[in-house]
Amino acid sequence: MSRIDQAFTRLRGGKRKALTIFLTAGDPSLARTVDLVKAAADNGADIVELGLPFSDPLADGPVIQESFLRAIAGGTNVIKSLAMVERLRISCDVPLVAMLASTLVINHGTPRFMKDAAAAGFDGIIIPDAPVDEYDEFLEPARKAGLDTILLAAPTSGPARMKRIAAISTGFLYYINVTGVTGGADAKPASIAKDVKTLKGMTKTPVLAGFGISTPAQAKAFAAVADGIIIGSQAMRVIRSVKRTADAPAALGAFVRSVRNGMDGR
């Protein structure tokens, strides 16, 4: 079992839902990213997504776009991100998912990237701009390297597309709550219930809901519909809200704990 599968086994045993936190590798620095991942894990995050920065992310709103640009300006790239994850793995066992543009995978060399990502300590991969009907070039190298392949479904995905996405997603399936970009309008749990139920009828892979979730109350509401939730933009806002980057891990930890407590009804 992968670390992701183990996490969901534990969650099911405790009748709890998954909390996934998205962070940008290299913002505010790669060294601080290590501290932020640990803070998230120590305060209730079951999975951490690490966005490898790209200059033109299609699905991300201004909060994550700006974090990518800051990380790139600070010198973060794929090689340095992988080295950071390798250092992180010495002291942190939280499941890690790489989220990055297909261009970065291809430029690194697809089989090489999958192998290097797994060797560094990643457990899964999300390539948000790789449509399911063009995913074959990534699927076999990822599976060969032992990485879970996490695909995205959206309100605009038709039944045939959902079926294909469900068939090849492992680890978890990422359901996008709203059309548009990250950090935009708040989503409504009732609006995703039908699609999530449809997806869950197609696969035993957990379905997590992301986009438009920023508060503990929203997290609890969406977790009642899906197998867990994903928060990205709000986590990055919390990190940027502090005056000193040294205070960012504590601020993020407090936010993650509030969301975890909200999901658990504490």
Protein backbone atom coordinates (compact mmCIF):
# COMPACT_ATOMS: atom_id res chain seq x y z
CA MET A 1 0.00 0.00 0.00
CA SER A 2 1.17 3.50 -0.77
CA ARG A 3 1.34 6.13 1.96
CA ILE A 4 -1.83 7.62 0.49
CA ASP A 5 -3.68 4.30 0.69
CA GLN A 6 -2.45 3.81 4.26
CA ALA A 7 -3.75 7.26 5.19
CA PHE A 8 -7.22 6.48 3.88
CA THR A 9 -7.23 3.11 5.63
CA ARG A 10 -6.53 4.88 8.93
CA LEU A 11 -9.16 7.51 8.22
CA ARG A 12 -11.82 4.94 7.43
CA GLY A 13 -10.95 3.06 10.62
CA GLY A 14 -11.49 6.23 12.60
CA LYS A 15 -14.56 7.26 10.57
CA ARG A 16 -12.87 10.50 9.61
CA LYS A 17 -12.47 12.41 6.36
CA ALA A 18 -9.22 13.44 4.70
CA LEU A 19 -7.75 16.91 5.00
CA THR A 20 -5.33 17.81 2.21
CA ILE A 21 -3.35 21.04 2.25
CA PHE A 22 -1.74 22.56 -0.84
CA LEU A 23 1.56 24.44 -0.51
CA THR A 24 3.83 25.98 -3.11
CA ALA A 25 7.36 24.60 -3.08
CA GLY A 26 9.77 27.47 -2.56
CA ASP A 27 7.38 30.08 -1.20
CA PRO A 28 8.64 31.78 0.87
CA SER A 29 11.72 29.55 0.46
CA LEU A 30 12.52 25.87 0.02
CA ALA A 31 13.90 25.68 3.55
CA ARG A 32 10.71 27.22 4.94
CA THR A 33 8.60 24.85 2.83
CA VAL A 34 10.03 21.97 4.84
CA ASP A 35 8.84 23.67 8.03
CA LEU A 36 5.42 24.39 6.53
CA VAL A 37 4.85 20.79 5.45
CA LYS A 38 5.76 19.58 8.92
CA ALA A 39 3.46 22.15 10.51
CA ALA A 40 0.57 21.03 8.33
CA ALA A 41 1.21 17.35 9.06
CA ASP A 42 1.65 17.91 12.80
CA ASN A 43 -1.66 19.77 13.03
CA GLY A 44 -3.95 17.39 11.22
CA ALA A 45 -3.24 17.39 7.48
CA ASP A 46 -3.50 13.83 6.19
CA ILE A 47 -1.94 14.61 2.80
CA VAL A 48 0.12 17.53 1.51
CA GLU A 49 0.13 18.64 -2.11
CA LEU A 50 3.26 20.46 -3.20
CA GLY A 51 2.87 22.69 -6.22
CA LEU A 52 6.05 22.86 -8.27
CA PRO A 53 6.05 26.43 -9.59
CA PHE A 54 5.32 27.18 -13.23
CA SER A 55 5.15 30.60 -14.85
CA ASP A 56 1.73 30.11 -16.46
CA PRO A 57 -0.53 27.86 -14.35
CA LEU A 58 -3.85 27.54 -16.16
CA ALA A 59 -6.13 26.52 -13.29
CA ASP A 60 -4.77 28.71 -10.53
CA GLY A 61 -6.05 32.06 -9.38
CA PRO A 62 -3.95 35.05 -8.32
CA VAL A 63 -3.02 33.77 -4.85
CA ILE A 64 -1.27 30.64 -6.13
CA GLN A 65 -0.05 32.32 -9.32
CA GLU A 66 1.74 34.95 -7.24
CA SER A 67 3.22 32.29 -4.96
CA PHE A 68 4.59 30.50 -8.02
CA LEU A 69 6.17 33.68 -9.33
CA ARG A 70 7.77 34.40 -5.96
CA ALA A 71 9.15 30.86 -5.80
CA ILE A 72 10.56 31.09 -9.33
CA ALA A 73 12.12 34.48 -8.55
CA GLY A 74 13.76 32.85 -5.52
CA GLY A 75 15.34 30.20 -7.73
CA THR A 76 12.99 27.27 -7.16
CA ASN A 77 12.87 24.71 -9.97
CA VAL A 78 12.09 21.03 -10.38
CA ILE A 79 15.55 19.79 -9.40
CA LYS A 80 15.69 21.92 -6.26
CA SER A 81 12.12 20.95 -5.32
CA LEU A 82 12.95 17.25 -5.55
CA ALA A 83 16.07 17.77 -3.43
CA MET A 84 13.95 19.59 -0.84
CA VAL A 85 11.48 16.68 -0.67
CA GLU A 86 14.36 14.27 -0.19
CA ARG A 87 15.54 16.32 2.80
CA LEU A 88 11.98 16.55 4.13
CA ARG A 89 11.58 12.79 4.06
CA ILE A 90 14.30 12.40 6.67
CA SER A 91 11.93 13.70 9.34
CA CYS A 92 8.40 13.67 7.88
CA ASP A 93 6.30 10.73 6.67
CA VAL A 94 3.12 12.56 5.54
CA PRO A 95 1.86 11.47 2.10
CA LEU A 96 3.10 13.93 -0.51
CA VAL A 97 1.60 14.65 -3.91
CA ALA A 98 3.41 16.62 -6.61
CA MET A 99 1.18 18.98 -8.57
CA LEU A 100 2.84 20.41 -11.64
CA ALA A 101 2.33 21.40 -15.26
CA SER A 102 2.80 18.82 -17.98
CA THR A 103 5.51 21.01 -19.52
CA LEU A 104 7.68 20.58 -16.44
CA VAL A 105 7.25 16.79 -16.55
CA ILE A 106 8.03 16.59 -20.26
CA ASN A 107 11.00 18.96 -20.08
CA HIS A 108 12.51 16.86 -17.29
CA GLY A 109 11.82 13.72 -19.31
CA THR A 110 8.60 11.97 -18.36
CA PRO A 111 10.00 8.57 -17.28
CA ARG A 112 12.91 10.29 -15.56
CA PHE A 113 10.66 12.71 -13.71
CA MET A 114 8.40 9.94 -12.40
CA LYS A 115 11.40 7.93 -11.25
CA ASP A 116 13.08 10.96 -9.64
CA ALA A 117 9.86 12.09 -7.94
CA ALA A 118 9.29 8.68 -6.40
CA ALA A 119 12.93 8.40 -5.33
CA ALA A 120 12.75 11.82 -3.65
CA GLY A 121 9.72 10.76 -1.62
CA PHE A 122 6.60 11.77 -3.54
CA ASP A 123 3.69 9.33 -3.37
CA GLY A 124 1.44 10.65 -6.13
CA ILE A 125 1.23 13.10 -8.98
CA ILE A 126 -1.35 15.57 -10.28
CA ILE A 127 -0.86 17.06 -13.75
CA PRO A 128 -3.83 19.45 -13.94
CA ASP A 129 -3.36 20.45 -17.58
CA ALA A 130 -3.12 16.87 -18.86
CA PRO A 131 -6.62 15.85 -20.07
CA VAL A 132 -7.68 12.29 -19.47
CA ASP A 133 -7.74 11.46 -23.19
CA GLU A 134 -4.07 12.48 -23.45
CA TYR A 135 -2.91 10.97 -20.18
CA ASP A 136 -1.46 7.72 -21.48
CA GLU A 137 2.02 9.19 -21.94
CA PHE A 138 2.14 9.89 -18.19
CA LEU A 139 0.22 6.88 -16.87
CA GLU A 140 2.63 4.03 -17.54
CA PRO A 141 5.78 5.86 -16.36
CA ALA A 142 4.01 6.96 -13.17
CA ARG A 143 2.72 3.48 -12.43
CA LYS A 144 6.13 1.97 -13.16
CA ALA A 145 7.70 4.38 -10.68
CA GLY A 146 5.08 3.52 -8.04
CA LEU A 147 3.33 6.90 -8.04
CA ASP A 148 -0.41 7.25 -7.61
CA THR A 149 -2.03 9.01 -10.56
CA ILE A 150 -4.56 11.56 -9.35
CA LEU A 151 -6.81 13.04 -12.00
CA LEU A 152 -9.29 15.89 -11.84
CA ALA A 153 -13.00 15.78 -12.58
CA ALA A 154 -15.15 18.89 -12.83
CA PRO A 155 -18.80 19.93 -13.13
CA THR A 156 -18.21 20.07 -16.90
CA SER A 157 -17.00 16.45 -17.09
CA GLY A 158 -19.55 14.28 -18.86
CA PRO A 159 -20.36 10.67 -17.83
CA ALA A 160 -17.94 9.05 -20.30
CA ARG A 161 -15.12 11.35 -19.21
CA MET A 162 -15.88 10.74 -15.54
CA LYS A 163 -15.78 7.00 -16.14
CA ARG A 164 -12.33 7.20 -17.69
CA ILE A 165 -11.05 9.51 -14.94
CA ALA A 166 -12.39 7.15 -12.29
CA ALA A 167 -10.82 4.17 -14.01
CA ILE A 168 -7.25 5.47 -13.96
CA SER A 169 -7.18 7.57 -10.78
CA THR A 170 -5.36 5.96 -7.85
CA GLY A 171 -4.69 7.31 -4.38
CA PHE A 172 -7.63 9.67 -4.65
CA LEU A 173 -9.68 11.46 -7.27
CA TYR A 174 -9.75 15.27 -7.21
CA TYR A 175 -13.20 16.75 -7.82
CA ILE A 176 -13.15 20.46 -8.71
CA ASN A 177 -16.12 22.03 -6.94
CA VAL A 178 -16.55 25.03 -9.21
CA THR A 179 -15.63 26.00 -12.74
CA GLY A 180 -12.95 28.66 -12.84
CA VAL A 181 -9.67 29.01 -10.98
CA THR A 182 -8.46 28.30 -7.46
CA GLY A 183 -9.22 30.85 -4.78
CA GLY A 184 -12.35 32.09 -6.54
CA ALA A 185 -16.00 31.94 -5.58
CA ASP A 186 -17.11 29.80 -2.68
CA ALA A 187 -18.54 26.47 -3.68
CA LYS A 188 -21.78 24.91 -2.42
CA PRO A 189 -21.78 21.34 -1.08
CA ALA A 190 -25.23 20.61 -2.53
CA SER A 191 -24.00 21.50 -6.01
CA ILE A 192 -21.37 18.74 -6.03
CA ALA A 193 -23.32 15.98 -4.29
CA LYS A 194 -24.68 14.40 -7.48
CA ASP A 195 -21.33 14.29 -9.28
CA VAL A 196 -19.48 12.98 -6.24
CA LYS A 197 -22.08 10.24 -5.82
CA THR A 198 -21.71 9.36 -9.51
CA LEU A 199 -17.94 9.15 -9.22
CA LYS A 200 -18.11 7.07 -6.06
CA GLY A 201 -20.36 4.66 -7.91
CA MET A 202 -17.64 4.24 -10.54
CA THR A 203 -14.64 3.61 -8.29
CA LYS A 204 -13.54 2.61 -4.83
CA THR A 205 -10.87 5.31 -4.97
CA PRO A 206 -11.64 8.12 -2.50
CA VAL A 207 -13.07 11.32 -3.98
CA LEU A 208 -11.79 14.58 -2.51
CA ALA A 209 -13.37 17.98 -3.12
CA GLY A 210 -11.29 21.08 -3.80
CA PHE A 211 -11.63 24.72 -4.96
CA GLY A 212 -13.69 27.28 -3.06
CA ILE A 213 -13.11 25.91 0.45
CA SER A 214 -11.54 28.27 2.96
CA THR A 215 -13.15 27.89 6.40
CA PRO A 216 -13.59 25.09 8.94
CA ALA A 217 -17.37 25.22 8.44
CA GLN A 218 -17.03 24.85 4.68
CA ALA A 219 -14.54 22.03 5.14
CA LYS A 220 -16.98 20.16 7.39
CA ALA A 221 -19.85 20.65 4.95
CA PHE A 222 -17.91 19.39 1.94
CA ALA A 223 -16.41 16.50 3.90
CA ALA A 224 -19.97 15.35 4.60
CA VAL A 225 -20.43 14.93 0.84
CA ALA A 226 -16.99 13.70 -0.26
CA ASP A 227 -14.25 11.53 1.26
CA GLY A 228 -12.27 14.61 2.18
CA ILE A 229 -11.37 18.11 1.14
CA ILE A 230 -8.46 20.10 -0.30
CA ILE A 231 -7.52 23.64 0.70
CA GLY A 232 -4.89 25.62 -1.19
CA SER A 233 -5.42 29.34 -1.67
CA GLN A 234 -6.52 29.99 1.91
CA ALA A 235 -3.49 28.14 3.26
CA MET A 236 -1.25 30.35 1.11
CA ARG A 237 -3.10 33.47 2.32
CA VAL A 238 -2.44 32.45 5.93
CA ILE A 239 1.25 32.00 5.19
CA ARG A 240 1.44 35.45 3.60
CA SER A 241 -0.47 37.10 6.44
CA VAL A 242 2.45 37.04 8.87
CA LYS A 243 5.09 39.75 8.97
CA ARG A 244 7.99 37.36 9.51
CA THR A 245 8.41 34.18 7.48
CA ALA A 246 9.66 32.50 10.65
CA ASP A 247 6.11 32.83 12.01
CA ALA A 248 4.49 31.21 8.96
CA PRO A 249 4.65 27.57 10.16
CA ALA A 250 2.89 28.42 13.44
CA ALA A 251 0.22 30.41 11.61
CA LEU A 252 -0.36 27.61 9.12
CA GLY A 253 -0.43 25.03 11.90
CA ALA A 254 -3.12 26.96 13.76
CA PHE A 255 -5.21 27.25 10.61
CA VAL A 256 -4.87 23.55 9.75
CA ARG A 257 -5.78 22.59 13.31
CA SER A 258 -8.91 24.77 13.16
CA VAL A 259 -9.99 23.07 9.94
CA ARG A 260 -9.25 19.61 11.30
CA ASN A 261 -11.24 20.34 14.44
CA GLY A 262 -14.10 21.68 12.36
CA MET A 263 -14.17 18.55 10.21
CA ASP A 264 -14.06 16.34 13.30
CA GLY A 265 -16.85 18.32 15.01
CA ARG A 266 -14.69 19.52 17.89
